[in-house]
Amino acid sequence: SRKTLAILQETPGIELTVIEYLVTPPSAAKLAQLYRDAGMTPAQGLRLRGTDAEERGLPTADDAAVLAAMAAEPKLIERPLVETDKGVRLCRPQEKVLEIL
């Protein structure tokens, strides 16, 4: 996340808004929109490392269940998710952000 943020901060002409997802979690509807725009499923946006997502069966759960879990417990959201006028990317690796700048 820090490396992606550095790329964005160093890119001229970028108006940056950082949303601290643990402080201000996105709604299930916003997450659905982000994943749809990124061309991925909510399960593909799950953070597995350091969470109990696998034990809860979330990787194979339906989209609504995954989105509800993420909205309730934002630590389940893999990051960073970056949204620009050109699209949305889950920026892992951080170079993926270049696709939407």
PDB file of N, CA and C in Angstrom:
ATOM      1  N   SER A   1       0.814  -1.192   0.000  1.00  0.00           N
ATOM      2  CA  SER A   1       0.000   0.000   0.000  1.00  0.00           C
ATOM      3  C   SER A   1       0.859   1.258   0.000  1.00  0.00           C
ATOM      4  N   ARG A   2       1.921   1.263   0.782  1.00  0.00           N
ATOM      5  CA  ARG A   2       2.782   2.445   0.849  1.00  0.00           C
ATOM      6  C   ARG A   2       3.457   2.722  -0.484  1.00  0.00           C
ATOM      7  N   LYS A   3       3.886   1.663  -1.168  1.00  0.00           N
ATOM      8  CA  LYS A   3       4.555   1.854  -2.456  1.00  0.00           C
ATOM      9  C   LYS A   3       3.585   2.386  -3.504  1.00  0.00           C
ATOM     10  N   THR A   4       2.352   1.906  -3.486  1.00  0.00           N
ATOM     11  CA  THR A   4       1.330   2.410  -4.407  1.00  0.00           C
ATOM     12  C   THR A   4       1.038   3.871  -4.100  1.00  0.00           C
ATOM     13  N   LEU A   5       0.924   4.211  -2.838  1.00  0.00           N
ATOM     14  CA  LEU A   5       0.686   5.593  -2.433  1.00  0.00           C
ATOM     15  C   LEU A   5       1.834   6.479  -2.902  1.00  0.00           C
ATOM     16  N   ALA A   6       3.059   6.016  -2.780  1.00  0.00           N
ATOM     17  CA  ALA A   6       4.214   6.795  -3.235  1.00  0.00           C
ATOM     18  C   ALA A   6       4.149   7.042  -4.738  1.00  0.00           C
ATOM     19  N   ILE A   7       3.767   6.032  -5.513  1.00  0.00           N
ATOM     20  CA  ILE A   7       3.626   6.203  -6.967  1.00  0.00           C
ATOM     21  C   ILE A   7       2.596   7.288  -7.257  1.00  0.00           C
ATOM     22  N   LEU A   8       1.459   7.227  -6.564  1.00  0.00           N
ATOM     23  CA  LEU A   8       0.398   8.213  -6.792  1.00  0.00           C
ATOM     24  C   LEU A   8       0.848   9.613  -6.392  1.00  0.00           C
ATOM     25  N   GLN A   9       1.546   9.735  -5.278  1.00  0.00           N
ATOM     26  CA  GLN A   9       2.007  11.040  -4.810  1.00  0.00           C
ATOM     27  C   GLN A   9       3.056  11.639  -5.732  1.00  0.00           C
ATOM     28  N   GLU A  10       3.831  10.797  -6.401  1.00  0.00           N
ATOM     29  CA  GLU A  10       4.894  11.261  -7.281  1.00  0.00           C
ATOM     30  C   GLU A  10       4.424  11.519  -8.705  1.00  0.00           C
ATOM     31  N   THR A  11       3.180  11.174  -9.018  1.00  0.00           N
ATOM     32  CA  THR A  11       2.649  11.358 -10.364  1.00  0.00           C
ATOM     33  C   THR A  11       2.030  12.745 -10.482  1.00  0.00           C
ATOM     34  N   PRO A  12       2.570  13.575 -11.390  1.00  0.00           N
ATOM     35  CA  PRO A  12       2.020  14.929 -11.552  1.00  0.00           C
ATOM     36  C   PRO A  12       0.560  14.898 -11.997  1.00  0.00           C
ATOM     37  N   GLY A  13      -0.227  15.842 -11.484  1.00  0.00           N
ATOM     38  CA  GLY A  13      -1.608  16.000 -11.913  1.00  0.00           C
ATOM     39  C   GLY A  13      -2.608  15.088 -11.228  1.00  0.00           C
ATOM     40  N   ILE A  14      -2.156  14.305 -10.254  1.00  0.00           N
ATOM     41  CA  ILE A  14      -3.063  13.391  -9.545  1.00  0.00           C
ATOM     42  C   ILE A  14      -3.665  14.125  -8.352  1.00  0.00           C
ATOM     43  N   GLU A  15      -4.994  14.155  -8.315  1.00  0.00           N
ATOM     44  CA  GLU A  15      -5.687  14.662  -7.131  1.00  0.00           C
ATOM     45  C   GLU A  15      -6.044  13.442  -6.301  1.00  0.00           C
ATOM     46  N   LEU A  16      -5.410  13.320  -5.162  1.00  0.00           N
ATOM     47  CA  LEU A  16      -5.463  12.090  -4.382  1.00  0.00           C
ATOM     48  C   LEU A  16      -6.368  12.236  -3.167  1.00  0.00           C
ATOM     49  N   THR A  17      -7.243  11.266  -2.999  1.00  0.00           N
ATOM     50  CA  THR A  17      -8.057  11.153  -1.790  1.00  0.00           C
ATOM     51  C   THR A  17      -7.798   9.775  -1.211  1.00  0.00           C
ATOM     52  N   VAL A  18      -7.254   9.744  -0.021  1.00  0.00           N
ATOM     53  CA  VAL A  18      -6.969   8.478   0.646  1.00  0.00           C
ATOM     54  C   VAL A  18      -8.102   8.201   1.628  1.00  0.00           C
ATOM     55  N   ILE A  19      -8.675   7.023   1.500  1.00  0.00           N
ATOM     56  CA  ILE A  19      -9.740   6.607   2.411  1.00  0.00           C
ATOM     57  C   ILE A  19      -9.161   5.555   3.345  1.00  0.00           C
ATOM     58  N   GLU A  20      -9.145   5.859   4.616  1.00  0.00           N
ATOM     59  CA  GLU A  20      -8.647   4.912   5.604  1.00  0.00           C
ATOM     60  C   GLU A  20      -9.752   3.890   5.864  1.00  0.00           C
ATOM     61  N   TYR A  21      -9.645   2.770   5.199  1.00  0.00           N
ATOM     62  CA  TYR A  21     -10.727   1.789   5.173  1.00  0.00           C
ATOM     63  C   TYR A  21     -11.067   1.205   6.545  1.00  0.00           C
ATOM     64  N   LEU A  22     -10.113   1.214   7.478  1.00  0.00           N
ATOM     65  CA  LEU A  22     -10.424   0.706   8.814  1.00  0.00           C
ATOM     66  C   LEU A  22     -11.191   1.736   9.636  1.00  0.00           C
ATOM     67  N   VAL A  23     -10.992   3.024   9.316  1.00  0.00           N
ATOM     68  CA  VAL A  23     -11.679   4.109  10.021  1.00  0.00           C
ATOM     69  C   VAL A  23     -13.039   4.387   9.386  1.00  0.00           C
ATOM     70  N   THR A  24     -13.057   4.421   8.050  1.00  0.00           N
ATOM     71  CA  THR A  24     -14.274   4.692   7.290  1.00  0.00           C
ATOM     72  C   THR A  24     -14.467   3.559   6.288  1.00  0.00           C
ATOM     73  N   PRO A  25     -15.011   2.438   6.737  1.00  0.00           N
ATOM     74  CA  PRO A  25     -15.154   1.282   5.842  1.00  0.00           C
ATOM     75  C   PRO A  25     -16.126   1.559   4.697  1.00  0.00           C
ATOM     76  N   PRO A  26     -15.811   1.059   3.509  1.00  0.00           N
ATOM     77  CA  PRO A  26     -16.750   1.191   2.396  1.00  0.00           C
ATOM     78  C   PRO A  26     -17.970   0.302   2.623  1.00  0.00           C
ATOM     79  N   SER A  27     -19.071   0.713   2.046  1.00  0.00           N
ATOM     80  CA  SER A  27     -20.288  -0.103   2.141  1.00  0.00           C
ATOM     81  C   SER A  27     -20.164  -1.323   1.230  1.00  0.00           C
ATOM     82  N   ALA A  28     -21.031  -2.271   1.437  1.00  0.00           N
ATOM     83  CA  ALA A  28     -21.070  -3.446   0.559  1.00  0.00           C
ATOM     84  C   ALA A  28     -21.357  -3.013  -0.873  1.00  0.00           C
ATOM     85  N   ALA A  29     -22.219  -2.011  -1.057  1.00  0.00           N
ATOM     86  CA  ALA A  29     -22.543  -1.523  -2.401  1.00  0.00           C
ATOM     87  C   ALA A  29     -21.322  -0.885  -3.065  1.00  0.00           C
ATOM     88  N   LYS A  30     -20.551  -0.101  -2.309  1.00  0.00           N
ATOM     89  CA  LYS A  30     -19.345   0.526  -2.866  1.00  0.00           C
ATOM     90  C   LYS A  30     -18.324  -0.539  -3.223  1.00  0.00           C
ATOM     91  N   LEU A  31     -18.150  -1.529  -2.363  1.00  0.00           N
ATOM     92  CA  LEU A  31     -17.221  -2.623  -2.665  1.00  0.00           C
ATOM     93  C   LEU A  31     -17.654  -3.374  -3.911  1.00  0.00           C
ATOM     94  N   ALA A  32     -18.950  -3.642  -4.044  1.00  0.00           N
ATOM     95  CA  ALA A  32     -19.463  -4.334  -5.233  1.00  0.00           C
ATOM     96  C   ALA A  32     -19.132  -3.538  -6.483  1.00  0.00           C
ATOM     97  N   GLN A  33     -19.316  -2.229  -6.433  1.00  0.00           N
ATOM     98  CA  GLN A  33     -19.002  -1.359  -7.576  1.00  0.00           C
ATOM     99  C   GLN A  33     -17.509  -1.390  -7.902  1.00  0.00           C
ATOM    100  N   LEU A  34     -16.664  -1.312  -6.872  1.00  0.00           N
ATOM    101  CA  LEU A  34     -15.217  -1.335  -7.090  1.00  0.00           C
ATOM    102  C   LEU A  34     -14.774  -2.640  -7.736  1.00  0.00           C
ATOM    103  N   TYR A  35     -15.249  -3.766  -7.214  1.00  0.00           N
ATOM    104  CA  TYR A  35     -14.843  -5.051  -7.787  1.00  0.00           C
ATOM    105  C   TYR A  35     -15.397  -5.238  -9.200  1.00  0.00           C
ATOM    106  N   ARG A  36     -16.623  -4.801  -9.420  1.00  0.00           N
ATOM    107  CA  ARG A  36     -17.203  -4.879 -10.766  1.00  0.00           C
ATOM    108  C   ARG A  36     -16.350  -4.062 -11.744  1.00  0.00           C
ATOM    109  N   ASP A  37     -16.009  -2.832 -11.346  1.00  0.00           N
ATOM    110  CA  ASP A  37     -15.213  -1.961 -12.213  1.00  0.00           C
ATOM    111  C   ASP A  37     -13.789  -2.480 -12.406  1.00  0.00           C
ATOM    112  N   ALA A  38     -13.303  -3.248 -11.452  1.00  0.00           N
ATOM    113  CA  ALA A  38     -11.965  -3.837 -11.558  1.00  0.00           C
ATOM    114  C   ALA A  38     -11.986  -5.140 -12.359  1.00  0.00           C
ATOM    115  N   GLY A  39     -13.200  -5.652 -12.652  1.00  0.00           N
ATOM    116  CA  GLY A  39     -13.306  -6.905 -13.400  1.00  0.00           C
ATOM    117  C   GLY A  39     -12.951  -8.119 -12.556  1.00  0.00           C
ATOM    118  N   MET A  40     -13.268  -8.042 -11.275  1.00  0.00           N
ATOM    119  CA  MET A  40     -12.948  -9.158 -10.393  1.00  0.00           C
ATOM    120  C   MET A  40     -14.132  -9.466  -9.489  1.00  0.00           C
ATOM    121  N   THR A  41     -14.100 -10.622  -8.880  1.00  0.00           N
ATOM    122  CA  THR A  41     -15.163 -11.004  -7.953  1.00  0.00           C
ATOM    123  C   THR A  41     -14.810 -10.510  -6.553  1.00  0.00           C
ATOM    124  N   PRO A  42     -15.792 -10.356  -5.692  1.00  0.00           N
ATOM    125  CA  PRO A  42     -15.489  -9.995  -4.311  1.00  0.00           C
ATOM    126  C   PRO A  42     -14.535 -10.994  -3.648  1.00  0.00           C
ATOM    127  N   ALA A  43     -14.694 -12.278  -3.928  1.00  0.00           N
ATOM    128  CA  ALA A  43     -13.801 -13.285  -3.333  1.00  0.00           C
ATOM    129  C   ALA A  43     -12.347 -13.055  -3.739  1.00  0.00           C
ATOM    130  N   GLN A  44     -12.128 -12.535  -4.948  1.00  0.00           N
ATOM    131  CA  GLN A  44     -10.769 -12.233  -5.395  1.00  0.00           C
ATOM    132  C   GLN A  44     -10.191 -11.030  -4.643  1.00  0.00           C
ATOM    133  N   GLY A  45     -11.054 -10.256  -4.022  1.00  0.00           N
ATOM    134  CA  GLY A  45     -10.618  -9.099  -3.252  1.00  0.00           C
ATOM    135  C   GLY A  45     -10.488  -9.370  -1.768  1.00  0.00           C
ATOM    136  N   LEU A  46     -10.629 -10.617  -1.367  1.00  0.00           N
ATOM    137  CA  LEU A  46     -10.508 -10.983   0.045  1.00  0.00           C
ATOM    138  C   LEU A  46      -9.056 -10.996   0.492  1.00  0.00           C
ATOM    139  N   ARG A  47      -8.815 -10.449   1.650  1.00  0.00           N
ATOM    140  CA  ARG A  47      -7.496 -10.574   2.270  1.00  0.00           C
ATOM    141  C   ARG A  47      -7.506 -11.884   3.046  1.00  0.00           C
ATOM    142  N   LEU A  48      -6.631 -12.788   2.683  1.00  0.00           N
ATOM    143  CA  LEU A  48      -6.570 -14.093   3.328  1.00  0.00           C
ATOM    144  C   LEU A  48      -5.511 -14.110   4.427  1.00  0.00           C
ATOM    145  N   ARG A  49      -4.380 -13.484   4.143  1.00  0.00           N
ATOM    146  CA  ARG A  49      -3.282 -13.485   5.109  1.00  0.00           C
ATOM    147  C   ARG A  49      -3.651 -12.648   6.336  1.00  0.00           C
ATOM    148  N   GLY A  50      -3.498 -13.243   7.493  1.00  0.00           N
ATOM    149  CA  GLY A  50      -3.759 -12.525   8.731  1.00  0.00           C
ATOM    150  C   GLY A  50      -5.229 -12.370   9.082  1.00  0.00           C
ATOM    151  N   THR A  51      -6.099 -13.116   8.390  1.00  0.00           N
ATOM    152  CA  THR A  51      -7.535 -13.062   8.680  1.00  0.00           C
ATOM    153  C   THR A  51      -8.072 -14.480   8.844  1.00  0.00           C
ATOM    154  N   ASP A  52      -9.317 -14.570   9.241  1.00  0.00           N
ATOM    155  CA  ASP A  52      -9.971 -15.873   9.358  1.00  0.00           C
ATOM    156  C   ASP A  52     -10.897 -16.157   8.175  1.00  0.00           C
ATOM    157  N   ALA A  53     -10.643 -15.508   7.045  1.00  0.00           N
ATOM    158  CA  ALA A  53     -11.514 -15.635   5.869  1.00  0.00           C
ATOM    159  C   ALA A  53     -11.646 -17.089   5.414  1.00  0.00           C
ATOM    160  N   GLU A  54     -10.539 -17.809   5.379  1.00  0.00           N
ATOM    161  CA  GLU A  54     -10.597 -19.206   4.922  1.00  0.00           C
ATOM    162  C   GLU A  54     -11.376 -20.075   5.899  1.00  0.00           C
ATOM    163  N   GLU A  55     -11.145 -19.899   7.189  1.00  0.00           N
ATOM    164  CA  GLU A  55     -11.851 -20.688   8.193  1.00  0.00           C
ATOM    165  C   GLU A  55     -13.363 -20.437   8.132  1.00  0.00           C
ATOM    166  N   ARG A  56     -13.733 -19.246   7.733  1.00  0.00           N
ATOM    167  CA  ARG A  56     -15.152 -18.890   7.628  1.00  0.00           C
ATOM    168  C   ARG A  56     -15.764 -19.299   6.294  1.00  0.00           C
ATOM    169  N   GLY A  57     -14.952 -19.866   5.404  1.00  0.00           N
ATOM    170  CA  GLY A  57     -15.463 -20.310   4.109  1.00  0.00           C
ATOM    171  C   GLY A  57     -15.728 -19.184   3.133  1.00  0.00           C
ATOM    172  N   LEU A  58     -15.179 -18.007   3.380  1.00  0.00           N
ATOM    173  CA  LEU A  58     -15.466 -16.861   2.521  1.00  0.00           C
ATOM    174  C   LEU A  58     -14.920 -16.971   1.095  1.00  0.00           C
ATOM    175  N   PRO A  59     -13.769 -17.621   0.872  1.00  0.00           N
ATOM    176  CA  PRO A  59     -13.289 -17.718  -0.511  1.00  0.00           C
ATOM    177  C   PRO A  59     -14.258 -18.430  -1.459  1.00  0.00           C
ATOM    178  N   THR A  60     -15.136 -19.271  -0.916  1.00  0.00           N
ATOM    179  CA  THR A  60     -16.092 -19.983  -1.773  1.00  0.00           C
ATOM    180  C   THR A  60     -17.536 -19.547  -1.517  1.00  0.00           C
ATOM    181  N   ALA A  61     -17.706 -18.522  -0.702  1.00  0.00           N
ATOM    182  CA  ALA A  61     -19.050 -18.019  -0.397  1.00  0.00           C
ATOM    183  C   ALA A  61     -19.574 -17.195  -1.571  1.00  0.00           C
ATOM    184  N   ASP A  62     -20.881 -16.942  -1.580  1.00  0.00           N
ATOM    185  CA  ASP A  62     -21.445 -16.113  -2.646  1.00  0.00           C
ATOM    186  C   ASP A  62     -21.047 -14.645  -2.442  1.00  0.00           C
ATOM    187  N   ASP A  63     -21.194 -13.869  -3.508  1.00  0.00           N
ATOM    188  CA  ASP A  63     -20.754 -12.473  -3.485  1.00  0.00           C
ATOM    189  C   ASP A  63     -21.383 -11.681  -2.341  1.00  0.00           C
ATOM    190  N   ALA A  64     -22.666 -11.863  -2.110  1.00  0.00           N
ATOM    191  CA  ALA A  64     -23.350 -11.102  -1.066  1.00  0.00           C
ATOM    192  C   ALA A  64     -22.755 -11.386   0.303  1.00  0.00           C
ATOM    193  N   ALA A  65     -22.428 -12.638   0.578  1.00  0.00           N
ATOM    194  CA  ALA A  65     -21.847 -13.002   1.873  1.00  0.00           C
ATOM    195  C   ALA A  65     -20.448 -12.406   2.032  1.00  0.00           C
ATOM    196  N   VAL A  66     -19.671 -12.443   0.963  1.00  0.00           N
ATOM    197  CA  VAL A  66     -18.315 -11.883   1.006  1.00  0.00           C
ATOM    198  C   VAL A  66     -18.380 -10.377   1.225  1.00  0.00           C
ATOM    199  N   LEU A  67     -19.230  -9.701   0.468  1.00  0.00           N
ATOM    200  CA  LEU A  67     -19.355  -8.250   0.595  1.00  0.00           C
ATOM    201  C   LEU A  67     -19.853  -7.850   1.977  1.00  0.00           C
ATOM    202  N   ALA A  68     -20.809  -8.587   2.511  1.00  0.00           N
ATOM    203  CA  ALA A  68     -21.322  -8.287   3.856  1.00  0.00           C
ATOM    204  C   ALA A  68     -20.223  -8.460   4.899  1.00  0.00           C
ATOM    205  N   ALA A  69     -19.430  -9.518   4.764  1.00  0.00           N
ATOM    206  CA  ALA A  69     -18.337  -9.751   5.711  1.00  0.00           C
ATOM    207  C   ALA A  69     -17.298  -8.642   5.622  1.00  0.00           C
ATOM    208  N   MET A  70     -16.963  -8.220   4.414  1.00  0.00           N
ATOM    209  CA  MET A  70     -15.982  -7.142   4.234  1.00  0.00           C
ATOM    210  C   MET A  70     -16.488  -5.821   4.814  1.00  0.00           C
ATOM    211  N   ALA A  71     -17.754  -5.519   4.576  1.00  0.00           N
ATOM    212  CA  ALA A  71     -18.319  -4.266   5.091  1.00  0.00           C
ATOM    213  C   ALA A  71     -18.346  -4.280   6.618  1.00  0.00           C
ATOM    214  N   ALA A  72     -18.610  -5.445   7.204  1.00  0.00           N
ATOM    215  CA  ALA A  72     -18.664  -5.567   8.661  1.00  0.00           C
ATOM    216  C   ALA A  72     -17.267  -5.601   9.286  1.00  0.00           C
ATOM    217  N   GLU A  73     -16.325  -6.213   8.570  1.00  0.00           N
ATOM    218  CA  GLU A  73     -14.952  -6.357   9.065  1.00  0.00           C
ATOM    219  C   GLU A  73     -13.986  -5.956   7.960  1.00  0.00           C
ATOM    220  N   PRO A  74     -13.688  -4.670   7.834  1.00  0.00           N
ATOM    221  CA  PRO A  74     -12.872  -4.188   6.719  1.00  0.00           C
ATOM    222  C   PRO A  74     -11.459  -4.768   6.653  1.00  0.00           C
ATOM    223  N   LYS A  75     -10.990  -5.403   7.733  1.00  0.00           N
ATOM    224  CA  LYS A  75      -9.673  -6.046   7.651  1.00  0.00           C
ATOM    225  C   LYS A  75      -9.670  -7.173   6.620  1.00  0.00           C
ATOM    226  N   LEU A  76     -10.860  -7.613   6.192  1.00  0.00           N
ATOM    227  CA  LEU A  76     -10.968  -8.667   5.177  1.00  0.00           C
ATOM    228  C   LEU A  76     -10.759  -8.145   3.760  1.00  0.00           C
ATOM    229  N   ILE A  77     -10.646  -6.832   3.590  1.00  0.00           N
ATOM    230  CA  ILE A  77     -10.471  -6.229   2.266  1.00  0.00           C
ATOM    231  C   ILE A  77      -8.990  -6.201   1.908  1.00  0.00           C
ATOM    232  N   GLU A  78      -8.640  -6.871   0.806  1.00  0.00           N
ATOM    233  CA  GLU A  78      -7.261  -6.789   0.313  1.00  0.00           C
ATOM    234  C   GLU A  78      -7.065  -5.387  -0.235  1.00  0.00           C
ATOM    235  N   ARG A  79      -5.894  -4.853  -0.074  1.00  0.00           N
ATOM    236  CA  ARG A  79      -5.636  -3.501  -0.506  1.00  0.00           C
ATOM    237  C   ARG A  79      -4.249  -3.383  -1.075  1.00  0.00           C
ATOM    238  N   PRO A  80      -3.986  -2.301  -1.754  1.00  0.00           N
ATOM    239  CA  PRO A  80      -4.826  -1.126  -1.945  1.00  0.00           C
ATOM    240  C   PRO A  80      -5.715  -1.241  -3.176  1.00  0.00           C
ATOM    241  N   LEU A  81      -6.909  -0.747  -3.034  1.00  0.00           N
ATOM    242  CA  LEU A  81      -7.820  -0.585  -4.171  1.00  0.00           C
ATOM    243  C   LEU A  81      -7.713   0.869  -4.599  1.00  0.00           C
ATOM    244  N   VAL A  82      -7.452   1.087  -5.873  1.00  0.00           N
ATOM    245  CA  VAL A  82      -7.306   2.446  -6.395  1.00  0.00           C
ATOM    246  C   VAL A  82      -8.341   2.650  -7.492  1.00  0.00           C
ATOM    247  N   GLU A  83      -9.064   3.764  -7.398  1.00  0.00           N
ATOM    248  CA  GLU A  83     -10.094   4.113  -8.375  1.00  0.00           C
ATOM    249  C   GLU A  83      -9.719   5.429  -9.034  1.00  0.00           C
ATOM    250  N   THR A  84      -9.686   5.438 -10.366  1.00  0.00           N
ATOM    251  CA  THR A  84      -9.463   6.659 -11.138  1.00  0.00           C
ATOM    252  C   THR A  84     -10.545   6.729 -12.217  1.00  0.00           C
ATOM    253  N   ASP A  85     -10.504   7.795 -13.004  1.00  0.00           N
ATOM    254  CA  ASP A  85     -11.436   7.918 -14.123  1.00  0.00           C
ATOM    255  C   ASP A  85     -11.245   6.801 -15.143  1.00  0.00           C
ATOM    256  N   LYS A  86     -10.083   6.165 -15.143  1.00  0.00           N
ATOM    257  CA  LYS A  86      -9.777   5.110 -16.109  1.00  0.00           C
ATOM    258  C   LYS A  86     -10.097   3.709 -15.609  1.00  0.00           C
ATOM    259  N   GLY A  87     -10.533   3.597 -14.347  1.00  0.00           N
ATOM    260  CA  GLY A  87     -10.898   2.277 -13.833  1.00  0.00           C
ATOM    261  C   GLY A  87     -10.477   2.064 -12.399  1.00  0.00           C
ATOM    262  N   VAL A  88     -10.550   0.799 -11.998  1.00  0.00           N
ATOM    263  CA  VAL A  88     -10.215   0.387 -10.636  1.00  0.00           C
ATOM    264  C   VAL A  88      -9.237  -0.778 -10.732  1.00  0.00           C
ATOM    265  N   ARG A  89      -8.255  -0.768  -9.838  1.00  0.00           N
ATOM    266  CA  ARG A  89      -7.319  -1.895  -9.763  1.00  0.00           C
ATOM    267  C   ARG A  89      -7.033  -2.215  -8.307  1.00  0.00           C
ATOM    268  N   LEU A  90      -6.891  -3.499  -8.034  1.00  0.00           N
ATOM    269  CA  LEU A  90      -6.306  -3.957  -6.787  1.00  0.00           C
ATOM    270  C   LEU A  90      -4.813  -3.954  -7.076  1.00  0.00           C
ATOM    271  N   CYS A  91      -4.090  -3.061  -6.465  1.00  0.00           N
ATOM    272  CA  CYS A  91      -2.706  -2.779  -6.856  1.00  0.00           C
ATOM    273  C   CYS A  91      -1.695  -3.658  -6.140  1.00  0.00           C
ATOM    274  N   ARG A  92      -1.808  -4.933  -6.400  1.00  0.00           N
ATOM    275  CA  ARG A  92      -0.836  -5.921  -5.955  1.00  0.00           C
ATOM    276  C   ARG A  92      -0.405  -6.695  -7.181  1.00  0.00           C
ATOM    277  N   PRO A  93       0.769  -6.505  -7.704  1.00  0.00           N
ATOM    278  CA  PRO A  93       1.822  -5.624  -7.226  1.00  0.00           C
ATOM    279  C   PRO A  93       1.499  -4.151  -7.502  1.00  0.00           C
ATOM    280  N   GLN A  94       2.258  -3.272  -6.876  1.00  0.00           N
ATOM    281  CA  GLN A  94       1.963  -1.850  -6.944  1.00  0.00           C
ATOM    282  C   GLN A  94       2.000  -1.276  -8.358  1.00  0.00           C
ATOM    283  N   GLU A  95       2.710  -1.893  -9.268  1.00  0.00           N
ATOM    284  CA  GLU A  95       2.798  -1.392 -10.641  1.00  0.00           C
ATOM    285  C   GLU A  95       1.440  -1.434 -11.358  1.00  0.00           C
ATOM    286  N   LYS A  96       0.514  -2.223 -10.858  1.00  0.00           N
ATOM    287  CA  LYS A  96      -0.816  -2.293 -11.489  1.00  0.00           C
ATOM    288  C   LYS A  96      -1.501  -0.948 -11.507  1.00  0.00           C
ATOM    289  N   VAL A  97      -1.137  -0.041 -10.600  1.00  0.00           N
ATOM    290  CA  VAL A  97      -1.746   1.282 -10.578  1.00  0.00           C
ATOM    291  C   VAL A  97      -1.447   2.043 -11.871  1.00  0.00           C
ATOM    292  N   LEU A  98      -0.323   1.733 -12.504  1.00  0.00           N
ATOM    293  CA  LEU A  98       0.058   2.433 -13.734  1.00  0.00           C
ATOM    294  C   LEU A  98      -0.953   2.188 -14.860  1.00  0.00           C
ATOM    295  N   GLU A  99      -1.683   1.078 -14.793  1.00  0.00           N
ATOM    296  CA  GLU A  99      -2.679   0.756 -15.823  1.00  0.00           C
ATOM    297  C   GLU A  99      -3.834   1.757 -15.832  1.00  0.00           C
ATOM    298  N   ILE A 100      -4.067   2.439 -14.731  1.00  0.00           N
ATOM    299  CA  ILE A 100      -5.225   3.340 -14.636  1.00  0.00           C
ATOM    300  C   ILE A 100      -4.829   4.802 -14.416  1.00  0.00           C
ATOM    301  N   LEU A 101      -3.580   5.115 -14.660  1.00  0.00           N
ATOM    302  CA  LEU A 101      -3.137   6.525 -14.530  1.00  0.00           C
ATOM    303  C   LEU A 101      -3.079   7.180 -15.893  1.00  0.00           C
TER     304      LEU A 101
END
